[in-house]
Structure formats: structure tokens, C-alpha cells
N, C-alpha and C. Protein backbone atom coordinates (compact mmCIF):
# COMPACT_ATOMS: atom_id res chain seq x y z
N UNK A 1 -14.06 12.90 2.17
CA UNK A 1 -13.19 12.66 1.11
C UNK A 1 -13.73 12.18 0.00
N UNK A 2 -14.41 12.10 -0.92
CA UNK A 2 -14.72 11.60 -1.94
C UNK A 2 -14.21 10.88 -2.96
N UNK A 3 -13.81 9.21 -3.43
CA UNK A 3 -12.89 8.73 -4.46
C UNK A 3 -14.00 8.30 -5.17
N UNK A 4 -13.57 8.99 -6.73
CA UNK A 4 -14.59 8.05 -7.87
C UNK A 4 -14.33 6.48 -7.77
N UNK A 5 -15.35 5.64 -8.31
CA UNK A 5 -15.05 4.65 -8.66
C UNK A 5 -14.25 4.32 -9.90
N UNK A 6 -13.35 4.78 -10.66
CA UNK A 6 -13.01 4.94 -11.26
C UNK A 6 -11.27 4.12 -11.39
N UNK A 7 -11.45 4.57 -9.29
CA UNK A 7 -9.94 3.73 -8.95
C UNK A 7 -10.45 3.76 -7.33
N UNK A 8 -10.97 2.89 -7.65
CA UNK A 8 -11.83 2.14 -6.46
C UNK A 8 -10.76 1.76 -5.19
N UNK A 9 -10.93 2.06 -4.10
CA UNK A 9 -9.96 2.24 -2.90
C UNK A 9 -10.36 0.81 -1.80
N UNK A 10 -9.49 0.10 -1.40
CA UNK A 10 -10.17 -0.78 -0.72
C UNK A 10 -8.97 -0.49 1.00
N UNK A 11 -9.67 -0.61 1.94
CA UNK A 11 -9.50 -0.70 3.36
C UNK A 11 -8.83 -1.65 3.69
N UNK A 12 -7.82 -1.83 4.04
CA UNK A 12 -7.07 -2.91 4.76
C UNK A 12 -6.51 -2.89 5.64
N UNK A 13 -7.07 -3.86 6.82
CA UNK A 13 -7.16 -3.57 8.26
C UNK A 13 -6.09 -4.43 8.81
N UNK A 14 -5.21 -3.70 9.32
CA UNK A 14 -3.94 -4.21 10.63
C UNK A 14 -4.38 -3.89 11.44
N UNK A 15 -4.40 -5.15 12.36
CA UNK A 15 -4.77 -4.94 13.77
C UNK A 15 -3.98 -5.89 14.36
N UNK A 16 -3.84 -5.47 15.13
CA UNK A 16 -2.56 -6.78 16.38
C UNK A 16 -2.95 -7.04 17.80
N UNK A 17 -2.36 -7.83 17.95
CA UNK A 17 -3.27 -8.66 19.52
C UNK A 17 -1.75 -8.85 19.84
N UNK A 18 -1.23 -8.19 21.52
CA UNK A 18 -2.70 -7.61 22.33
C UNK A 18 -2.40 -6.02 21.21
N UNK A 19 -3.31 -5.06 21.31
CA UNK A 19 -3.62 -3.87 20.85
C UNK A 19 -1.77 -2.98 21.56
N UNK A 20 -1.83 -2.22 20.15
CA UNK A 20 -0.54 -1.14 20.22
C UNK A 20 -1.71 -0.20 20.77
N UNK A 21 -0.18 0.57 21.79
CA UNK A 21 -0.31 2.12 22.35
C UNK A 21 -1.19 2.74 21.39
N UNK A 22 -1.21 3.51 21.84
CA UNK A 22 -2.03 4.56 20.40
C UNK A 22 -0.48 5.24 20.42
N UNK A 23 0.28 5.77 20.65
CA UNK A 23 1.62 6.42 20.39
C UNK A 23 1.59 6.03 19.44
N UNK A 24 2.43 4.28 19.51
CA UNK A 24 3.17 3.50 18.43
C UNK A 24 2.08 3.81 16.97
N UNK A 25 0.86 3.61 17.38
CA UNK A 25 0.14 3.01 16.41
C UNK A 25 0.04 4.41 15.55
N UNK A 26 0.20 6.16 16.34
CA UNK A 26 0.78 7.20 15.69
C UNK A 26 1.75 6.86 14.88
N UNK A 27 2.98 6.96 15.32
CA UNK A 27 3.79 6.31 14.98
C UNK A 27 4.53 5.43 13.33
N UNK A 28 3.27 4.51 13.70
CA UNK A 28 3.73 3.76 12.52
C UNK A 28 2.48 4.64 11.45
N UNK A 29 2.08 4.92 11.67
CA UNK A 29 0.46 5.32 10.60
C UNK A 29 1.53 6.78 9.61
N UNK A 30 2.47 7.26 11.04
CA UNK A 30 3.24 8.61 10.53
C UNK A 30 4.42 8.29 10.02
N UNK A 31 4.67 7.39 9.95
CA UNK A 31 5.99 6.78 8.97
C UNK A 31 5.70 6.17 7.50
N UNK A 32 4.82 5.90 7.95
CA UNK A 32 4.15 4.79 6.45
C UNK A 32 3.77 6.55 5.61
N UNK A 33 3.01 7.42 6.25
CA UNK A 33 2.62 8.26 5.97
C UNK A 33 3.56 8.92 5.15
N UNK A 34 4.64 8.89 5.05
CA UNK A 34 5.65 10.10 5.09
C UNK A 34 6.45 9.37 4.35
N UNK A 35 6.73 8.27 4.45
CA UNK A 35 7.17 7.36 3.84
C UNK A 35 6.67 6.94 2.23
N UNK A 36 5.73 7.57 1.93
CA UNK A 36 4.53 7.46 1.05
C UNK A 36 4.61 8.56 0.62
N UNK A 37 4.72 9.83 0.83
CA UNK A 37 4.64 10.76 0.54
C UNK A 37 5.92 10.99 -0.32
N UNK A 38 7.21 11.48 0.76
CA UNK A 38 8.46 10.45 -0.20
C UNK A 38 8.57 10.06 -1.55
N UNK A 39 7.88 8.81 -1.67
CA UNK A 39 8.71 7.98 -2.35
C UNK A 39 6.59 8.22 -3.94
N UNK A 40 5.83 8.93 -3.46
CA UNK A 40 5.42 9.48 -4.22
C UNK A 40 6.21 10.89 -4.99
N UNK A 41 6.72 12.02 -4.13
CA UNK A 41 7.57 12.43 -4.93
C UNK A 41 8.36 12.41 -6.05
N UNK A 42 9.11 11.33 -5.85
CA UNK A 42 10.29 10.53 -6.59
C UNK A 42 9.60 9.95 -7.46
N UNK A 43 8.76 9.32 -7.34
CA UNK A 43 7.63 8.63 -9.03
C UNK A 43 7.30 10.14 -9.73
N UNK A 44 7.02 11.27 -9.51
CA UNK A 44 7.29 12.13 -9.99
C UNK A 44 8.36 13.02 -10.63
N UNK A 45 9.05 13.07 -10.10
CA UNK A 45 10.79 13.61 -10.48
C UNK A 45 11.75 13.05 -10.86
N UNK A 46 11.73 11.79 -10.92
CA UNK A 46 13.16 10.85 -11.24
C UNK A 46 12.52 10.48 -12.50
N UNK A 47 13.25 10.72 -13.69
CA UNK A 47 13.12 10.55 -15.34
C UNK A 47 13.61 9.12 -15.18
N UNK A 48 13.73 8.58 -14.30
CA UNK A 48 14.06 6.63 -14.24
C UNK A 48 12.81 5.89 -13.62
N UNK A 49 12.15 6.33 -12.73
CA UNK A 49 11.65 6.41 -12.43
C UNK A 49 9.46 6.18 -13.21
N UNK A 50 10.30 7.23 -13.81
CA UNK A 50 9.08 7.38 -14.47
C UNK A 50 8.80 6.91 -16.02
N UNK A 51 9.72 6.73 -16.33
CA UNK A 51 10.41 5.73 -17.75
C UNK A 51 9.89 4.06 -17.27
N UNK A 52 10.34 3.88 -16.59
CA UNK A 52 10.06 2.06 -15.61
C UNK A 52 8.97 2.45 -15.04
N UNK A 53 7.67 3.10 -15.04
CA UNK A 53 6.26 3.59 -14.64
C UNK A 53 5.89 3.55 -15.97
N UNK A 54 6.34 4.38 -17.06
CA UNK A 54 5.73 4.40 -18.30
C UNK A 54 5.28 2.78 -19.06
N UNK A 55 6.51 1.97 -18.78
CA UNK A 55 6.52 1.06 -19.04
C UNK A 55 5.35 -0.04 -18.66
N UNK A 56 5.14 0.01 -17.11
CA UNK A 56 4.36 -0.82 -16.71
C UNK A 56 3.02 -0.84 -17.05
N UNK A 57 3.06 0.25 -18.14
CA UNK A 57 1.71 0.94 -18.96
C UNK A 57 1.47 -0.22 -20.19
N UNK A 58 2.18 -0.40 -20.59
CA UNK A 58 2.12 -1.46 -22.15
C UNK A 58 1.66 -2.72 -21.61
N UNK A 59 1.12 -2.78 -22.80
CA UNK A 59 0.10 -4.12 -22.68
C UNK A 59 1.27 -5.38 -23.50
N UNK A 60 2.14 -5.11 -23.68
CA UNK A 60 3.02 -6.14 -23.54
C UNK A 60 4.14 -6.82 -22.26
N UNK A 61 3.53 -5.98 -21.40
CA UNK A 61 5.21 -5.98 -20.09
C UNK A 61 4.25 -7.33 -20.01
N UNK A 62 5.90 -8.37 -19.27
CA UNK A 62 5.05 -9.52 -19.34
C UNK A 62 5.74 -9.69 -17.19
N UNK A 63 4.94 -11.10 -16.56
CA UNK A 63 5.48 -10.77 -14.97
C UNK A 63 6.88 -10.87 -14.64
N UNK A 64 7.93 -11.66 -15.61
CA UNK A 64 9.65 -11.37 -15.80
C UNK A 64 9.42 -9.45 -15.25
N UNK A 65 9.35 -9.26 -16.57
CA UNK A 65 9.41 -7.79 -16.86
C UNK A 65 9.24 -6.77 -15.35
N UNK A 66 7.67 -7.22 -15.13
CA UNK A 66 7.21 -6.29 -13.71
C UNK A 66 8.20 -6.65 -12.74
N UNK A 67 8.27 -7.95 -12.56
CA UNK A 67 9.09 -8.59 -11.44
C UNK A 67 10.70 -7.57 -11.72
N UNK A 68 11.47 -7.24 -12.14
CA UNK A 68 12.79 -6.88 -12.57
C UNK A 68 12.43 -5.72 -12.45
N UNK A 69 11.62 -5.10 -12.91
CA UNK A 69 10.70 -3.26 -12.42
C UNK A 69 11.11 -3.28 -11.34
N UNK A 70 10.90 -3.75 -10.55
CA UNK A 70 10.35 -4.07 -9.23
C UNK A 70 11.37 -3.83 -8.32
N UNK A 71 11.88 -4.86 -8.75
CA UNK A 71 13.90 -4.87 -8.11
C UNK A 71 14.01 -3.89 -7.80
N UNK A 72 14.48 -3.53 -9.08
CA UNK A 72 15.02 -1.42 -9.31
C UNK A 72 14.29 -0.18 -8.65
N UNK A 73 13.18 -0.82 -8.70
CA UNK A 73 12.75 0.12 -7.82
C UNK A 73 12.47 0.05 -6.35
N UNK A 74 13.00 -0.74 -5.81
CA UNK A 74 12.50 -1.01 -4.29
C UNK A 74 14.10 -0.78 -3.82
N UNK A 75 14.99 -1.17 -4.23
CA UNK A 75 16.61 -0.42 -3.55
C UNK A 75 16.50 1.29 -3.63
N UNK A 76 16.18 1.94 -5.10
CA UNK A 76 15.79 3.07 -5.29
C UNK A 76 14.94 3.91 -4.50
N UNK A 77 13.76 3.74 -4.15
CA UNK A 77 12.76 3.98 -2.72
C UNK A 77 14.06 3.65 -1.49
N UNK A 78 14.05 2.54 -1.48
CA UNK A 78 14.53 2.19 0.27
C UNK A 78 15.63 3.53 0.10
N UNK A 79 16.40 3.58 -1.30
CA UNK A 79 17.84 4.75 -0.55
C UNK A 79 17.44 6.69 -0.63
N UNK A 80 15.80 6.53 -0.59
CA UNK A 80 15.13 7.62 -1.09
C UNK A 80 14.91 7.90 0.75
N UNK A 81 14.46 7.15 1.37
CA UNK A 81 13.63 7.22 2.44
C UNK A 81 15.18 7.24 3.47
N UNK A 82 16.03 6.45 3.54
CA UNK A 82 17.06 6.45 4.58
C UNK A 82 17.76 7.86 4.42
N UNK A 83 17.55 8.59 2.85
CA UNK A 83 18.20 9.91 2.58
C UNK A 83 17.53 11.00 3.39
N UNK A 84 16.19 10.92 3.31
CA UNK A 84 15.37 11.65 4.47
C UNK A 84 15.06 11.21 6.04
N UNK A 85 16.30 10.09 6.04
CA UNK A 85 15.77 9.91 8.02
C UNK A 85 14.72 8.48 7.94
N UNK A 86 14.13 8.26 7.39
CA UNK A 86 13.49 7.19 7.96
C UNK A 86 14.42 5.85 8.08
N UNK A 87 13.72 5.61 9.61
CA UNK A 87 14.68 4.62 10.07
C UNK A 87 14.73 3.07 9.01
N UNK A 88 16.37 3.09 9.13
CA UNK A 88 16.61 1.53 8.25
C UNK A 88 15.47 0.49 7.73
N UNK A 89 15.53 -0.25 9.01
CA UNK A 89 14.76 -1.30 9.14
C UNK A 89 13.27 -0.90 8.57
N UNK A 90 12.52 0.23 9.12
CA UNK A 90 11.63 0.85 8.43
C UNK A 90 10.97 1.06 7.17
N UNK A 91 12.81 1.85 6.54
CA UNK A 91 12.44 2.18 5.28
C UNK A 91 12.62 0.34 4.25
N UNK A 92 13.74 0.35 4.91
CA UNK A 92 13.60 -1.74 3.87
C UNK A 92 12.51 -2.31 3.58
N UNK A 93 11.61 -2.38 4.56
CA UNK A 93 9.95 -3.20 4.76
C UNK A 93 9.21 -2.31 3.64
N UNK A 94 9.10 -0.86 3.97
CA UNK A 94 7.89 -0.25 3.02
C UNK A 94 8.48 -0.08 1.90
N UNK A 95 9.83 -0.02 1.62
CA UNK A 95 10.45 -0.10 -0.21
C UNK A 95 9.52 -1.00 -0.18
N UNK A 96 9.83 -2.13 -0.04
CA UNK A 96 9.49 -3.34 -0.95
C UNK A 96 7.86 -3.20 -1.02
N UNK A 97 7.18 -2.75 -0.10
CA UNK A 97 5.27 -2.22 -0.64
C UNK A 97 5.49 -1.15 -1.35
N UNK A 98 5.84 -0.41 -1.26
CA UNK A 98 5.36 0.41 -2.08
C UNK A 98 6.14 0.10 -3.39
N UNK A 99 7.36 -0.32 -4.00
CA UNK A 99 7.23 -1.64 -5.24
C UNK A 99 6.79 -2.19 -5.35
N UNK A 100 6.72 -2.78 -4.65
CA UNK A 100 5.36 -4.26 -5.27
C UNK A 100 3.93 -3.71 -5.59
N UNK A 101 3.43 -2.41 -4.76
CA UNK A 101 2.00 -1.57 -5.23
C UNK A 101 2.38 -0.91 -6.00
N UNK A 102 3.60 0.14 -7.00
CA UNK A 102 3.61 0.48 -7.93
C UNK A 102 3.79 -0.33 -9.15
N UNK A 103 3.76 -1.63 -9.21
CA UNK A 103 4.44 -2.45 -10.63
C UNK A 103 2.73 -2.68 -10.56
N UNK A 104 2.76 -2.81 -9.23
CA UNK A 104 0.88 -3.60 -9.44
C UNK A 104 0.01 -2.52 -10.52
N UNK A 105 0.10 -1.21 -10.09
CA UNK A 105 -0.41 -0.27 -10.52
C UNK A 105 -1.56 0.17 -9.85
N UNK A 106 -1.01 0.53 -7.90
CA UNK A 106 -1.71 0.76 -7.45
C UNK A 106 -0.96 1.46 -6.51
N UNK A 107 -1.77 2.46 -5.08
CA UNK A 107 -1.04 2.91 -4.46
C UNK A 107 -1.42 3.33 -2.85
N UNK A 108 -1.44 3.85 -1.95
CA UNK A 108 -1.56 4.10 -1.02
C UNK A 108 -2.55 6.04 -0.92
N UNK A 109 -4.07 5.34 -0.82
CA UNK A 109 -4.84 6.40 -1.26
C UNK A 109 -4.67 7.75 0.62
N UNK A 110 -4.43 6.06 1.80
CA UNK A 110 -4.46 7.75 3.41
C UNK A 110 -4.55 6.34 3.68
N UNK A 111 -3.97 6.47 5.36
CA UNK A 111 -3.89 5.80 6.47
C UNK A 111 -3.99 6.20 7.35
N UNK A 112 -5.22 5.65 8.46
CA UNK A 112 -5.13 6.70 9.46
C UNK A 112 -5.42 4.98 10.53
N UNK A 113 -5.13 5.74 11.54
CA UNK A 113 -5.81 4.77 13.30
C UNK A 113 -7.81 4.78 13.11
N UNK A 114 -7.68 4.09 13.91
CA UNK A 114 -9.50 3.91 14.21
C UNK A 114 -9.55 3.14 15.51
N UNK A 115 -10.59 3.28 15.87
CA UNK A 115 -10.90 3.00 17.17
C UNK A 115 -10.92 1.58 17.27
N UNK A 116 -10.37 0.81 18.41
CA UNK A 116 -10.21 -0.71 18.25
C UNK A 116 -8.91 -1.19 18.03
N UNK A 117 -8.07 0.19 17.88
CA UNK A 117 -7.12 -0.48 17.96
C UNK A 117 -6.05 -0.72 16.81
N UNK A 118 -6.82 -0.24 15.70
CA UNK A 118 -6.23 -0.96 14.41
C UNK A 118 -5.88 0.42 13.27
N UNK A 119 -4.99 -0.18 12.58
CA UNK A 119 -4.92 0.71 11.60
C UNK A 119 -5.47 0.55 9.99
N UNK A 120 -5.63 1.88 9.31
CA UNK A 120 -6.23 1.48 8.13
C UNK A 120 -5.70 2.18 7.13
N UNK A 121 -5.48 1.40 6.24
CA UNK A 121 -4.44 1.46 4.97
C UNK A 121 -5.53 1.41 3.84
N UNK A 122 -5.57 2.24 3.55
CA UNK A 122 -6.49 2.31 1.95
C UNK A 122 -5.68 2.49 0.66
N UNK A 123 -5.59 1.65 -0.10
CA UNK A 123 -4.91 0.87 -0.94
C UNK A 123 -6.13 1.63 -2.67
N UNK A 124 -5.19 2.24 -3.37
CA UNK A 124 -6.04 3.07 -4.52
C UNK A 124 -5.52 1.53 -5.98
N UNK A 125 -6.78 0.92 -5.99
CA UNK A 125 -6.71 0.35 -7.42
C UNK A 125 -7.65 0.75 -8.66
N UNK A 126 -6.27 0.99 -9.64
CA UNK A 126 -7.26 1.60 -10.92
C UNK A 126 -8.43 0.26 -12.02
N UNK A 127 -7.99 -0.74 -12.11
CA UNK A 127 -8.74 -2.20 -12.10
C UNK A 127 -8.76 -3.09 -11.41
N UNK A 128 -9.85 -4.06 -11.91
CA UNK A 128 -10.22 -5.68 -11.58
C UNK A 128 -8.35 -5.88 -11.43
N UNK A 129 -7.46 -5.77 -12.39
CA UNK A 129 -6.76 -6.79 -12.18
C UNK A 129 -5.59 -6.26 -10.49
N UNK A 130 -5.20 -5.06 -10.60
CA UNK A 130 -4.58 -4.46 -10.01
C UNK A 130 -5.49 -4.42 -8.09
N UNK A 131 -6.91 -4.47 -8.14
CA UNK A 131 -7.55 -5.65 -7.24
C UNK A 131 -7.43 -6.60 -6.91
N UNK A 132 -7.25 -7.90 -7.71
CA UNK A 132 -7.11 -9.46 -7.50
C UNK A 132 -5.36 -9.19 -7.27
N UNK A 133 -4.59 -8.32 -7.42
CA UNK A 133 -3.18 -8.37 -7.19
C UNK A 133 -2.88 -8.27 -5.68
N UNK A 134 -3.84 -7.05 -5.43
CA UNK A 134 -3.68 -6.80 -4.07
C UNK A 134 -4.07 -8.04 -2.94
N UNK A 135 -4.95 -8.54 -3.78
CA UNK A 135 -5.82 -9.85 -2.66
C UNK A 135 -4.97 -10.42 -2.61
N UNK A 136 -3.89 -10.81 -4.41
CA UNK A 136 -3.02 -11.80 -3.47
C UNK A 136 -1.98 -11.71 -2.51
N UNK A 137 -1.49 -10.34 -2.82
CA UNK A 137 -0.75 -9.47 -1.37
C UNK A 137 -1.03 -9.77 -0.48
N UNK A 138 -2.39 -9.73 -0.25
CA UNK A 138 -2.73 -10.03 1.33
C UNK A 138 -2.86 -11.32 1.76
N UNK A 139 -3.08 -12.18 0.55
CA UNK A 139 -3.59 -13.40 0.62
C UNK A 139 -2.42 -14.60 0.77
N UNK A 140 -1.64 -13.87 0.26
CA UNK A 140 0.20 -14.86 0.26
C UNK A 140 0.84 -14.64 1.47
N UNK A 141 0.70 -13.64 1.91
CA UNK A 141 1.14 -12.63 3.34
C UNK A 141 1.86 -11.00 3.10
N UNK A 142 1.73 -11.67 2.25
CA UNK A 142 3.18 -10.28 1.76
C UNK A 142 2.96 -9.03 2.91
N UNK A 143 1.83 -8.90 2.18
CA UNK A 143 1.57 -7.33 3.34
C UNK A 143 1.07 -7.57 4.86
N UNK A 144 1.35 -8.47 5.29
CA UNK A 144 1.42 -9.17 6.95
C UNK A 144 2.79 -9.04 6.56
N UNK A 145 3.64 -9.83 6.60
CA UNK A 145 5.08 -9.82 6.63
C UNK A 145 5.49 -8.84 6.80
N UNK A 146 4.82 -7.36 5.85
CA UNK A 146 5.52 -6.38 5.89
C UNK A 146 5.19 -5.47 6.98
N UNK A 147 3.74 -5.58 7.56
CA UNK A 147 3.15 -4.80 8.69
C UNK A 147 4.12 -5.40 9.49
N UNK A 148 4.21 -6.46 9.86
CA UNK A 148 4.35 -6.81 11.54
C UNK A 148 5.75 -6.70 11.34
N UNK A 149 7.12 -6.99 10.37
CA UNK A 149 8.16 -6.36 10.77
C UNK A 149 8.05 -5.36 10.93
N UNK A 150 7.30 -4.23 10.45
CA UNK A 150 7.36 -2.13 10.77
C UNK A 150 7.04 -2.41 12.57
N UNK A 151 6.42 -3.28 12.54
CA UNK A 151 5.65 -2.63 13.78
C UNK A 151 6.38 -4.00 14.97
N UNK A 152 7.50 -5.17 14.58
CA UNK A 152 8.37 -5.24 15.39
C UNK A 152 9.56 -4.64 15.85
N UNK A 153 9.42 -3.44 15.03
CA UNK A 153 11.07 -2.95 14.60
C UNK A 153 10.38 -1.42 15.77
N UNK A 154 9.29 -1.75 15.96
CA UNK A 154 9.09 -0.33 16.00
C UNK A 154 8.02 -0.48 18.01
N UNK A 155 8.44 -1.74 18.02
CA UNK A 155 7.56 -2.00 19.63
C UNK A 155 9.03 -2.57 20.12
N UNK A 156 8.63 -2.25 21.52
CA UNK A 156 9.11 -3.81 22.32
C UNK A 156 8.84 -4.58 22.50
N UNK A 157 7.48 -5.22 22.09
CA UNK A 157 7.30 -5.82 22.30
C UNK A 157 6.68 -7.02 20.69
N UNK A 158 6.25 -8.09 20.45
CA UNK A 158 6.06 -8.60 19.25
C UNK A 158 4.62 -9.42 19.22
N UNK A 159 4.11 -8.23 18.36
CA UNK A 159 2.22 -8.36 18.76
C UNK A 159 1.79 -9.68 17.87
N UNK A 160 0.92 -9.91 17.57
CA UNK A 160 0.23 -11.14 16.41
C UNK A 160 -0.14 -9.90 15.37
N UNK A 161 0.29 -9.93 14.62
CA UNK A 161 -0.52 -9.19 13.28
C UNK A 161 -1.05 -9.39 12.87
N UNK A 162 -2.57 -8.71 12.46
CA UNK A 162 -3.64 -9.95 11.14
C UNK A 162 -3.89 -8.71 10.33
N UNK A 163 -3.79 -8.96 8.77
CA UNK A 163 -3.76 -8.27 8.02
C UNK A 163 -5.58 -8.69 7.05
N UNK A 164 -6.42 -8.19 6.75
CA UNK A 164 -7.15 -8.38 6.63
C UNK A 164 -8.30 -6.84 5.52
N UNK A 165 -8.61 -7.01 4.48
CA UNK A 165 -9.21 -7.05 4.10
C UNK A 165 -11.71 -7.49 4.82
N UNK A 166 -12.24 -6.67 4.84
CA UNK A 166 -13.36 -7.23 5.18
C UNK A 166 -14.34 -7.62 3.96
N UNK A 167 -15.19 -8.74 3.32
CA UNK A 167 -15.69 -9.14 2.58
C UNK A 167 -16.21 -8.31 2.03
N UNK A 168 -17.02 -7.80 2.60
CA UNK A 168 -18.23 -6.80 2.60
C UNK A 168 -17.61 -5.24 1.26
N UNK A 169 -16.45 -4.88 1.86
CA UNK A 169 -15.64 -3.92 1.13
C UNK A 169 -14.78 -4.19 -0.04
N UNK A 170 -14.48 -5.74 -0.39
CA UNK A 170 -14.04 -6.32 -1.07
C UNK A 170 -14.89 -6.48 -2.51
N UNK A 171 -16.30 -6.87 -1.95
CA UNK A 171 -17.23 -6.95 -2.86
C UNK A 171 -17.24 -6.05 -3.25
N UNK A 172 -18.18 -5.03 -2.53
CA UNK A 172 -17.72 -3.45 -3.41
C UNK A 172 -17.44 -2.96 -4.14
N UNK A 173 -16.03 -2.72 -4.19
CA UNK A 173 -14.75 -2.16 -4.54
C UNK A 173 -14.65 -2.96 -6.38
N UNK A 174 -15.31 -4.37 -6.10
CA UNK A 174 -14.93 -5.67 -7.36
C UNK A 174 -16.05 -4.67 -7.46
N UNK A 175 -17.67 -4.37 -7.62
CA UNK A 175 -18.86 -4.34 -8.50
C UNK A 175 -18.40 -2.66 -8.78
N UNK A 176 -18.23 -2.12 -8.00
CA UNK A 176 -17.76 -1.01 -8.46
C UNK A 176 -16.44 -0.05 -9.40
N UNK A 177 -16.30 -1.08 -9.65
CA UNK A 177 -15.03 -1.41 -10.93
C UNK A 177 -15.50 -2.00 -12.45
N UNK A 178 -16.31 -2.94 -11.65
CA UNK A 178 -16.93 -3.55 -12.76
C UNK A 178 -18.94 -3.03 -13.36
N UNK A 179 -18.72 -1.11 -12.88
CA UNK A 179 -19.93 -1.13 -13.16
C UNK A 179 -19.51 0.28 -14.39
N UNK A 180 -20.62 0.60 -15.10
CA UNK A 180 -20.59 1.63 -16.10
C UNK A 180 -19.52 2.53 -15.38
N UNK A 181 -19.18 2.73 -16.38
CA UNK A 181 -18.51 4.22 -15.56
C UNK A 181 -19.67 6.15 -15.48
N UNK A 182 -19.35 7.16 -14.50
CA UNK A 182 -20.91 7.71 -13.77
C UNK A 182 -21.91 7.49 -13.35
N UNK A 183 -21.32 6.28 -12.94
CA UNK A 183 -23.23 5.77 -12.24
C UNK A 183 -23.24 5.90 -10.83
N UNK A 184 -22.24 6.75 -10.42
CA UNK A 184 -22.57 7.30 -8.82
C UNK A 184 -22.08 6.61 -8.15
N UNK A 185 -20.99 5.43 -8.11
CA UNK A 185 -20.60 4.98 -6.75
C UNK A 185 -19.86 5.28 -6.70
N UNK A 186 -19.36 5.51 -5.14
CA UNK A 186 -18.61 6.20 -4.80
C UNK A 186 -17.84 5.38 -3.17
N UNK A 187 -16.25 5.79 -3.10
CA UNK A 187 -15.88 5.26 -1.90
C UNK A 187 -15.57 6.20 -0.65
N UNK A 188 -15.95 6.02 -0.25
CA UNK A 188 -16.13 7.11 1.20
C UNK A 188 -14.42 7.21 1.84
N UNK A 189 -13.87 7.96 1.96
CA UNK A 189 -12.66 7.85 3.28
C UNK A 189 -12.96 8.97 3.99
N UNK A 190 -13.07 8.88 5.78
CA UNK A 190 -13.54 9.37 6.50
C UNK A 190 -11.70 10.31 6.79
């Protein structure tokens, strides 16, 4: 699958020590994928969510209003996930993540397991601002906390969870967002 640079995709690696069993990685990947699909559907069908998302596109939306919209989206998303049978502890964390990235105009393009016992979440960022907001969510530990809590809730152990973006990946994505349109820069998802 190729994604045009107009919506650059950032691969975020979630690695545990010790490595998770493959079945647990599959469960985590499936739960987050399912939750993301449910919320993407909600974004298309709910008038309230559509109105909030439209408001996010306005130039005069300040940080306080973005936080207010996020605080309204998170319980809405959690409710949808719970109604569709997502475990409560997972629903709470995923709803928080999906509300935050929605407000930042970021979405999850894909999630996959990779060799070496890691999960890669591909976040689609449509602007340099969105890319920097994703970087902030990672560097402040927000994304790591979300995945740590999800992983710990789905396993009987408490592995250490690391979340990172390879610097080469970040630099490539940043350069693709800054390049002129239609120059042929693409990001390939496997």
C-alpha cells in the first residue's frame, strides 16, 4: 500500500522487554485495529462528532478549545467501544488515545506485528503541525503510557514497554511534508 506524502505516515514502534508472546501481540493488534475501525465509523456517523471535527479545522481554535473537544470525544469513544464489547480497561486507554489524535488531526493508518517482537502503529499526519503533535505525544510519554496500560491489562506479566520513532523515519516524513506536492515522495506500508 502506498500513501502519498500529502498525508505522511509515521511508523511508531512499540517494543516490550521481555518480548510478548505472538498470541498476545496478535490480540493487542486486533483489539486496537477493531477499536480504531469502530471509532472511524463513529466519526462518519455521529452528528456531534462530525461537528466537533469540523470545528477543529477552523483557524481560530485555540489549545483550550482543542482540550475541551478532546474531553468530550474521549467518553463518547469509550462508550462506543464498550457497546461493541471492547474490554473496559482497553476501551478506556484506546478511547483516550483516539480522542487525542483526532483533536490533533492524526489518525491510525495501520497497525501490524513485525519480526523482533514488536508492534508498529502507523500514524497518518496531514501537516507538519500534526507531525510535531505526534512527536510531543511520544516524547511526553503519553503514547507509552497508553500502550503500557493496554499491554499490562492483556497479559499476566508486566513487561517494560518502549515506544519510539526511528530518527530516519521521522526525518523522511518531515521532508516529505515539506516537499512540493506531486514530487513523488511516498511512504510504503507493508
